[in-house]
Amino acid sequence: DVLVTPGEAVNLIYILIKGRVDGVMEQAEGNIYRYARFQPPSIFGEMETFSGSLTYRSTLICSGDCIFLTLPKDIYFYWMRRDADTLFYRTQSMVTALCEQTRNERNRSFSSGLERLILCLVGCCHRTGSEDGRYVLTESIQELADSMGCSTKTVQRGLAKLMDEELLIRSGHRLIITNRQLEQLLKHIRTA
């Protein structure tokens, strides 16, 4: 389900309480890619409100069932202007998110398809967490491609190369990366 689209008026602030939301953008050539995956608690419409933008800048898509707390933009802004501690905390959160987005975009721009795939897989490992020294990733090839801003063929070629180099294991539709393999992938990133 689409929560908001670019150009839609920012009237509400959405606070994600449960579920997952993907932020997607359309590139100039028409490719759509996921630039971020948001987990609770995440706040949408906040950056637009603080920057003075009247409209949303990207598409937000709910993955499965999501629960939101909503606040009219004017009430949220009134609260922030009156609560210096909360304003400071939210500003720190927004700047951190923007820095991470910028770093990811820079990595995406200057990296090969394989390097972008490794960065994406490492990010998935960090979000998923380890079970018994293994990271079990459930992202589909399409989800990986969307998140990298590339084709599924690029992802498939990269996965095949990483499996040949024994840097990941495929088990059905899942990818498994051991702690040792994750260290190897991180070493690859550092030397690239």
C-alpha atoms as a PDB file:
ATOM      1  CA  ASP A   1       0.000   0.000   0.000  1.00  0.00           C
ATOM      2  CA  VAL A   2       1.286   3.458  -0.907  1.00  0.00           C
ATOM      3  CA  LEU A   3       1.403   5.805   2.082  1.00  0.00           C
ATOM      4  CA  VAL A   4       2.466   8.978   0.244  1.00  0.00           C
ATOM      5  CA  THR A   5       3.648   9.981  -3.228  1.00  0.00           C
ATOM      6  CA  PRO A   6       5.901  12.799  -4.460  1.00  0.00           C
ATOM      7  CA  GLY A   7       4.039  16.071  -4.819  1.00  0.00           C
ATOM      8  CA  GLU A   8       1.352  15.076  -2.315  1.00  0.00           C
ATOM      9  CA  ALA A   9       0.642  17.785   0.255  1.00  0.00           C
ATOM     10  CA  VAL A  10       2.216  17.316   3.684  1.00  0.00           C
ATOM     11  CA  ASN A  11      -0.731  17.678   6.054  1.00  0.00           C
ATOM     12  CA  LEU A  12       0.051  14.888   8.506  1.00  0.00           C
ATOM     13  CA  ILE A  13       3.111  13.581  10.286  1.00  0.00           C
ATOM     14  CA  TYR A  14       3.168   9.766  10.278  1.00  0.00           C
ATOM     15  CA  ILE A  15       4.914   7.929  13.102  1.00  0.00           C
ATOM     16  CA  LEU A  16       5.505   4.266  12.263  1.00  0.00           C
ATOM     17  CA  ILE A  17       4.624   2.136  15.296  1.00  0.00           C
ATOM     18  CA  LYS A  18       4.518  -1.316  13.686  1.00  0.00           C
ATOM     19  CA  GLY A  19       5.531  -2.722  10.314  1.00  0.00           C
ATOM     20  CA  ARG A  20       8.024  -1.707   7.658  1.00  0.00           C
ATOM     21  CA  VAL A  21       8.003   1.126   5.128  1.00  0.00           C
ATOM     22  CA  ASP A  22      10.149   1.372   1.998  1.00  0.00           C
ATOM     23  CA  GLY A  23      11.216   4.727   0.607  1.00  0.00           C
ATOM     24  CA  VAL A  24      11.438   4.509  -3.199  1.00  0.00           C
ATOM     25  CA  MET A  25      12.597   6.959  -5.855  1.00  0.00           C
ATOM     26  CA  GLU A  26      12.377   6.994  -9.608  1.00  0.00           C
ATOM     27  CA  GLN A  27      15.631   7.611 -11.463  1.00  0.00           C
ATOM     28  CA  ALA A  28      15.760   9.804 -14.581  1.00  0.00           C
ATOM     29  CA  GLU A  29      15.817   6.734 -16.865  1.00  0.00           C
ATOM     30  CA  GLY A  30      12.647   5.405 -15.225  1.00  0.00           C
ATOM     31  CA  ASN A  31      14.199   2.769 -12.946  1.00  0.00           C
ATOM     32  CA  ILE A  32      12.655   2.632  -9.497  1.00  0.00           C
ATOM     33  CA  TYR A  33      14.881   1.826  -6.554  1.00  0.00           C
ATOM     34  CA  ARG A  34      14.497   1.576  -2.813  1.00  0.00           C
ATOM     35  CA  TYR A  35      16.714   4.124  -1.098  1.00  0.00           C
ATOM     36  CA  ALA A  36      15.738   3.199   2.456  1.00  0.00           C
ATOM     37  CA  ARG A  37      13.871   0.664   4.543  1.00  0.00           C
ATOM     38  CA  PHE A  38      12.301   2.138   7.669  1.00  0.00           C
ATOM     39  CA  GLN A  39      11.572   0.249  10.880  1.00  0.00           C
ATOM     40  CA  PRO A  40       9.642   1.542  13.928  1.00  0.00           C
ATOM     41  CA  PRO A  41       9.898   4.133  15.247  1.00  0.00           C
ATOM     42  CA  SER A  42      10.257   6.243  12.093  1.00  0.00           C
ATOM     43  CA  ILE A  43       8.682   9.608  11.392  1.00  0.00           C
ATOM     44  CA  PHE A  44       7.506  10.690   7.928  1.00  0.00           C
ATOM     45  CA  GLY A  45       6.725  14.256   6.868  1.00  0.00           C
ATOM     46  CA  GLU A  46       9.053  15.654   9.494  1.00  0.00           C
ATOM     47  CA  MET A  47      11.908  16.661   7.166  1.00  0.00           C
ATOM     48  CA  GLU A  48       9.502  18.289   4.766  1.00  0.00           C
ATOM     49  CA  THR A  49       7.914  20.217   7.640  1.00  0.00           C
ATOM     50  CA  PHE A  50      11.262  21.454   8.973  1.00  0.00           C
ATOM     51  CA  SER A  51      12.559  22.365   5.511  1.00  0.00           C
ATOM     52  CA  GLY A  52       9.410  24.328   4.672  1.00  0.00           C
ATOM     53  CA  SER A  53       8.414  21.988   1.835  1.00  0.00           C
ATOM     54  CA  LEU A  54       4.681  21.769   1.278  1.00  0.00           C
ATOM     55  CA  THR A  55       4.854  18.398  -0.498  1.00  0.00           C
ATOM     56  CA  TYR A  56       6.437  14.958  -0.034  1.00  0.00           C
ATOM     57  CA  ARG A  57       9.583  14.297  -2.060  1.00  0.00           C
ATOM     58  CA  SER A  58       9.456  10.521  -2.499  1.00  0.00           C
ATOM     59  CA  THR A  59       7.116   7.565  -2.454  1.00  0.00           C
ATOM     60  CA  LEU A  60       6.617   5.661   0.788  1.00  0.00           C
ATOM     61  CA  ILE A  61       5.246   2.125   0.498  1.00  0.00           C
ATOM     62  CA  CYS A  62       4.019   0.003   3.401  1.00  0.00           C
ATOM     63  CA  SER A  63       5.359  -3.562   3.342  1.00  0.00           C
ATOM     64  CA  GLY A  64       2.570  -5.596   4.875  1.00  0.00           C
ATOM     65  CA  ASP A  65       0.443  -4.394   7.758  1.00  0.00           C
ATOM     66  CA  CYS A  66       1.628  -1.137   9.309  1.00  0.00           C
ATOM     67  CA  ILE A  67       0.340   0.866  12.254  1.00  0.00           C
ATOM     68  CA  PHE A  68       0.895   4.628  12.403  1.00  0.00           C
ATOM     69  CA  LEU A  69       0.280   7.362  14.899  1.00  0.00           C
ATOM     70  CA  THR A  70      -0.685  10.496  12.950  1.00  0.00           C
ATOM     71  CA  LEU A  71      -0.457  14.112  13.975  1.00  0.00           C
ATOM     72  CA  PRO A  72      -1.535  17.182  12.033  1.00  0.00           C
ATOM     73  CA  LYS A  73       1.588  18.930  10.749  1.00  0.00           C
ATOM     74  CA  ASP A  74       0.715  22.194  12.507  1.00  0.00           C
ATOM     75  CA  ILE A  75       0.359  20.502  15.922  1.00  0.00           C
ATOM     76  CA  TYR A  76       3.653  18.624  15.445  1.00  0.00           C
ATOM     77  CA  PHE A  77       5.448  21.837  14.475  1.00  0.00           C
ATOM     78  CA  TYR A  78       3.892  23.683  17.432  1.00  0.00           C
ATOM     79  CA  TRP A  79       5.141  20.940  19.780  1.00  0.00           C
ATOM     80  CA  MET A  80       8.674  21.055  18.326  1.00  0.00           C
ATOM     81  CA  ARG A  81       8.884  24.847  18.657  1.00  0.00           C
ATOM     82  CA  ARG A  82       7.959  24.612  22.344  1.00  0.00           C
ATOM     83  CA  ASP A  83      10.050  21.609  23.434  1.00  0.00           C
ATOM     84  CA  ALA A  84      13.782  22.324  22.972  1.00  0.00           C
ATOM     85  CA  ASP A  85      14.954  18.885  24.136  1.00  0.00           C
ATOM     86  CA  THR A  86      12.700  17.003  21.730  1.00  0.00           C
ATOM     87  CA  LEU A  87      13.579  19.413  18.918  1.00  0.00           C
ATOM     88  CA  PHE A  88      17.292  18.800  19.534  1.00  0.00           C
ATOM     89  CA  TYR A  89      16.775  15.000  19.563  1.00  0.00           C
ATOM     90  CA  ARG A  90      14.718  15.057  16.356  1.00  0.00           C
ATOM     91  CA  THR A  91      17.266  17.327  14.648  1.00  0.00           C
ATOM     92  CA  GLN A  92      20.062  14.900  15.559  1.00  0.00           C
ATOM     93  CA  SER A  93      18.004  12.012  14.161  1.00  0.00           C
ATOM     94  CA  MET A  94      17.286  13.821  10.891  1.00  0.00           C
ATOM     95  CA  VAL A  95      20.914  14.850  10.368  1.00  0.00           C
ATOM     96  CA  THR A  96      22.093  11.292  11.082  1.00  0.00           C
ATOM     97  CA  ALA A  97      19.579   9.900   8.570  1.00  0.00           C
ATOM     98  CA  LEU A  98      20.583  12.444   5.922  1.00  0.00           C
ATOM     99  CA  CYS A  99      24.289  11.679   6.426  1.00  0.00           C
ATOM    100  CA  GLU A 100      23.621   7.960   6.045  1.00  0.00           C
ATOM    101  CA  GLN A 101      21.537   8.539   2.906  1.00  0.00           C
ATOM    102  CA  THR A 102      24.288  10.723   1.431  1.00  0.00           C
ATOM    103  CA  ARG A 103      26.934   8.106   2.227  1.00  0.00           C
ATOM    104  CA  ASN A 104      24.813   5.385   0.632  1.00  0.00           C
ATOM    105  CA  GLU A 105      24.210   7.495  -2.487  1.00  0.00           C
ATOM    106  CA  ARG A 106      27.933   8.255  -2.769  1.00  0.00           C
ATOM    107  CA  ASN A 107      28.780   4.564  -2.409  1.00  0.00           C
ATOM    108  CA  ARG A 108      26.157   3.708  -5.019  1.00  0.00           C
ATOM    109  CA  SER A 109      27.517   6.295  -7.474  1.00  0.00           C
ATOM    110  CA  PHE A 110      31.174   5.276  -7.323  1.00  0.00           C
ATOM    111  CA  SER A 111      30.890   1.517  -6.854  1.00  0.00           C
ATOM    112  CA  SER A 112      30.667  -1.362  -9.289  1.00  0.00           C
ATOM    113  CA  GLY A 113      27.577  -3.583  -9.297  1.00  0.00           C
ATOM    114  CA  LEU A 114      29.385  -6.210  -7.207  1.00  0.00           C
ATOM    115  CA  GLU A 115      30.564  -3.624  -4.654  1.00  0.00           C
ATOM    116  CA  ARG A 116      27.024  -2.222  -4.376  1.00  0.00           C
ATOM    117  CA  LEU A 117      25.690  -5.752  -3.855  1.00  0.00           C
ATOM    118  CA  ILE A 118      28.224  -6.409  -1.095  1.00  0.00           C
ATOM    119  CA  LEU A 119      27.304  -3.120   0.603  1.00  0.00           C
ATOM    120  CA  CYS A 120      23.629  -4.055   0.334  1.00  0.00           C
ATOM    121  CA  LEU A 121      24.218  -7.549   1.767  1.00  0.00           C
ATOM    122  CA  VAL A 122      26.279  -6.170   4.657  1.00  0.00           C
ATOM    123  CA  GLY A 123      23.455  -3.708   5.405  1.00  0.00           C
ATOM    124  CA  CYS A 124      20.930  -6.566   5.338  1.00  0.00           C
ATOM    125  CA  CYS A 125      23.108  -8.534   7.782  1.00  0.00           C
ATOM    126  CA  HIS A 126      23.243  -5.616  10.199  1.00  0.00           C
ATOM    127  CA  ARG A 127      19.459  -5.141  10.045  1.00  0.00           C
ATOM    128  CA  THR A 128      18.711  -8.863  10.368  1.00  0.00           C
ATOM    129  CA  GLY A 129      21.095  -9.775  13.149  1.00  0.00           C
ATOM    130  CA  SER A 130      22.998 -13.011  13.674  1.00  0.00           C
ATOM    131  CA  GLU A 131      21.530 -16.345  14.718  1.00  0.00           C
ATOM    132  CA  ASP A 132      24.086 -18.961  15.781  1.00  0.00           C
ATOM    133  CA  GLY A 133      26.862 -17.205  13.871  1.00  0.00           C
ATOM    134  CA  ARG A 134      24.815 -16.925  10.673  1.00  0.00           C
ATOM    135  CA  TYR A 135      22.794 -14.190   9.015  1.00  0.00           C
ATOM    136  CA  VAL A 136      19.717 -15.509   7.189  1.00  0.00           C
ATOM    137  CA  LEU A 137      18.558 -12.942   4.640  1.00  0.00           C
ATOM    138  CA  THR A 138      15.036 -13.151   3.262  1.00  0.00           C
ATOM    139  CA  GLU A 139      15.261 -10.321   0.701  1.00  0.00           C
ATOM    140  CA  SER A 140      14.319 -11.402  -2.808  1.00  0.00           C
ATOM    141  CA  ILE A 141      16.524 -10.724  -5.822  1.00  0.00           C
ATOM    142  CA  GLN A 142      14.036  -8.030  -6.876  1.00  0.00           C
ATOM    143  CA  GLU A 143      14.224  -6.382  -3.437  1.00  0.00           C
ATOM    144  CA  LEU A 144      18.031  -6.387  -3.586  1.00  0.00           C
ATOM    145  CA  ALA A 145      17.937  -4.910  -7.100  1.00  0.00           C
ATOM    146  CA  ASP A 146      15.448  -2.228  -6.037  1.00  0.00           C
ATOM    147  CA  SER A 147      17.573  -1.317  -3.057  1.00  0.00           C
ATOM    148  CA  MET A 148      20.721  -1.087  -5.214  1.00  0.00           C
ATOM    149  CA  GLY A 149      19.068   0.732  -8.109  1.00  0.00           C
ATOM    150  CA  CYS A 150      20.100  -1.902 -10.669  1.00  0.00           C
ATOM    151  CA  SER A 151      18.691  -4.825 -12.633  1.00  0.00           C
ATOM    152  CA  THR A 152      17.957  -8.290 -11.280  1.00  0.00           C
ATOM    153  CA  LYS A 153      20.547  -9.655 -13.758  1.00  0.00           C
ATOM    154  CA  THR A 154      23.249  -7.575 -12.064  1.00  0.00           C
ATOM    155  CA  VAL A 155      22.210  -9.003  -8.681  1.00  0.00           C
ATOM    156  CA  GLN A 156      22.115 -12.579 -10.004  1.00  0.00           C
ATOM    157  CA  ARG A 157      25.596 -12.246 -11.558  1.00  0.00           C
ATOM    158  CA  GLY A 158      26.954 -10.779  -8.318  1.00  0.00           C
ATOM    159  CA  LEU A 159      25.364 -13.486  -6.173  1.00  0.00           C
ATOM    160  CA  ALA A 160      26.789 -16.189  -8.469  1.00  0.00           C
ATOM    161  CA  LYS A 161      30.261 -14.654  -8.180  1.00  0.00           C
ATOM    162  CA  LEU A 162      30.014 -14.416  -4.378  1.00  0.00           C
ATOM    163  CA  MET A 163      28.819 -18.042  -4.157  1.00  0.00           C
ATOM    164  CA  ASP A 164      31.717 -19.148  -6.408  1.00  0.00           C
ATOM    165  CA  GLU A 165      34.095 -17.351  -4.029  1.00  0.00           C
ATOM    166  CA  GLU A 166      32.291 -19.028  -1.082  1.00  0.00           C
ATOM    167  CA  LEU A 167      31.325 -15.639   0.393  1.00  0.00           C
ATOM    168  CA  LEU A 168      27.674 -16.601   0.788  1.00  0.00           C
ATOM    169  CA  ILE A 169      25.421 -19.638   0.713  1.00  0.00           C
ATOM    170  CA  ARG A 170      22.093 -19.945  -1.056  1.00  0.00           C
ATOM    171  CA  SER A 171      19.461 -22.145   0.543  1.00  0.00           C
ATOM    172  CA  GLY A 172      16.235 -22.068  -1.434  1.00  0.00           C
ATOM    173  CA  HIS A 173      15.100 -18.440  -1.574  1.00  0.00           C
ATOM    174  CA  ARG A 174      17.286 -17.417   1.360  1.00  0.00           C
ATOM    175  CA  LEU A 175      20.833 -16.180   1.439  1.00  0.00           C
ATOM    176  CA  ILE A 176      22.994 -17.233   4.353  1.00  0.00           C
ATOM    177  CA  ILE A 177      26.144 -15.404   5.371  1.00  0.00           C
ATOM    178  CA  THR A 178      28.293 -16.733   8.211  1.00  0.00           C
ATOM    179  CA  ASN A 179      30.267 -14.492  10.550  1.00  0.00           C
ATOM    180  CA  ARG A 180      33.463 -15.505   8.719  1.00  0.00           C
ATOM    181  CA  GLN A 181      31.914 -14.679   5.337  1.00  0.00           C
ATOM    182  CA  LEU A 182      30.694 -11.320   6.656  1.00  0.00           C
ATOM    183  CA  GLU A 183      34.246 -10.496   7.734  1.00  0.00           C
ATOM    184  CA  GLN A 184      35.459 -11.406   4.227  1.00  0.00           C
ATOM    185  CA  LEU A 185      32.777  -9.177   2.659  1.00  0.00           C
ATOM    186  CA  LEU A 186      33.760  -6.284   4.963  1.00  0.00           C
ATOM    187  CA  LYS A 187      37.415  -6.808   4.029  1.00  0.00           C
ATOM    188  CA  HIS A 188      36.416  -6.665   0.337  1.00  0.00           C
ATOM    189  CA  ILE A 189      34.662  -3.327   0.933  1.00  0.00           C
ATOM    190  CA  ARG A 190      37.699  -1.874   2.728  1.00  0.00           C
ATOM    191  CA  THR A 191      40.080  -2.841  -0.083  1.00  0.00           C
ATOM    192  CA  ALA A 192      37.792  -1.800  -2.960  1.00  0.00           C
END
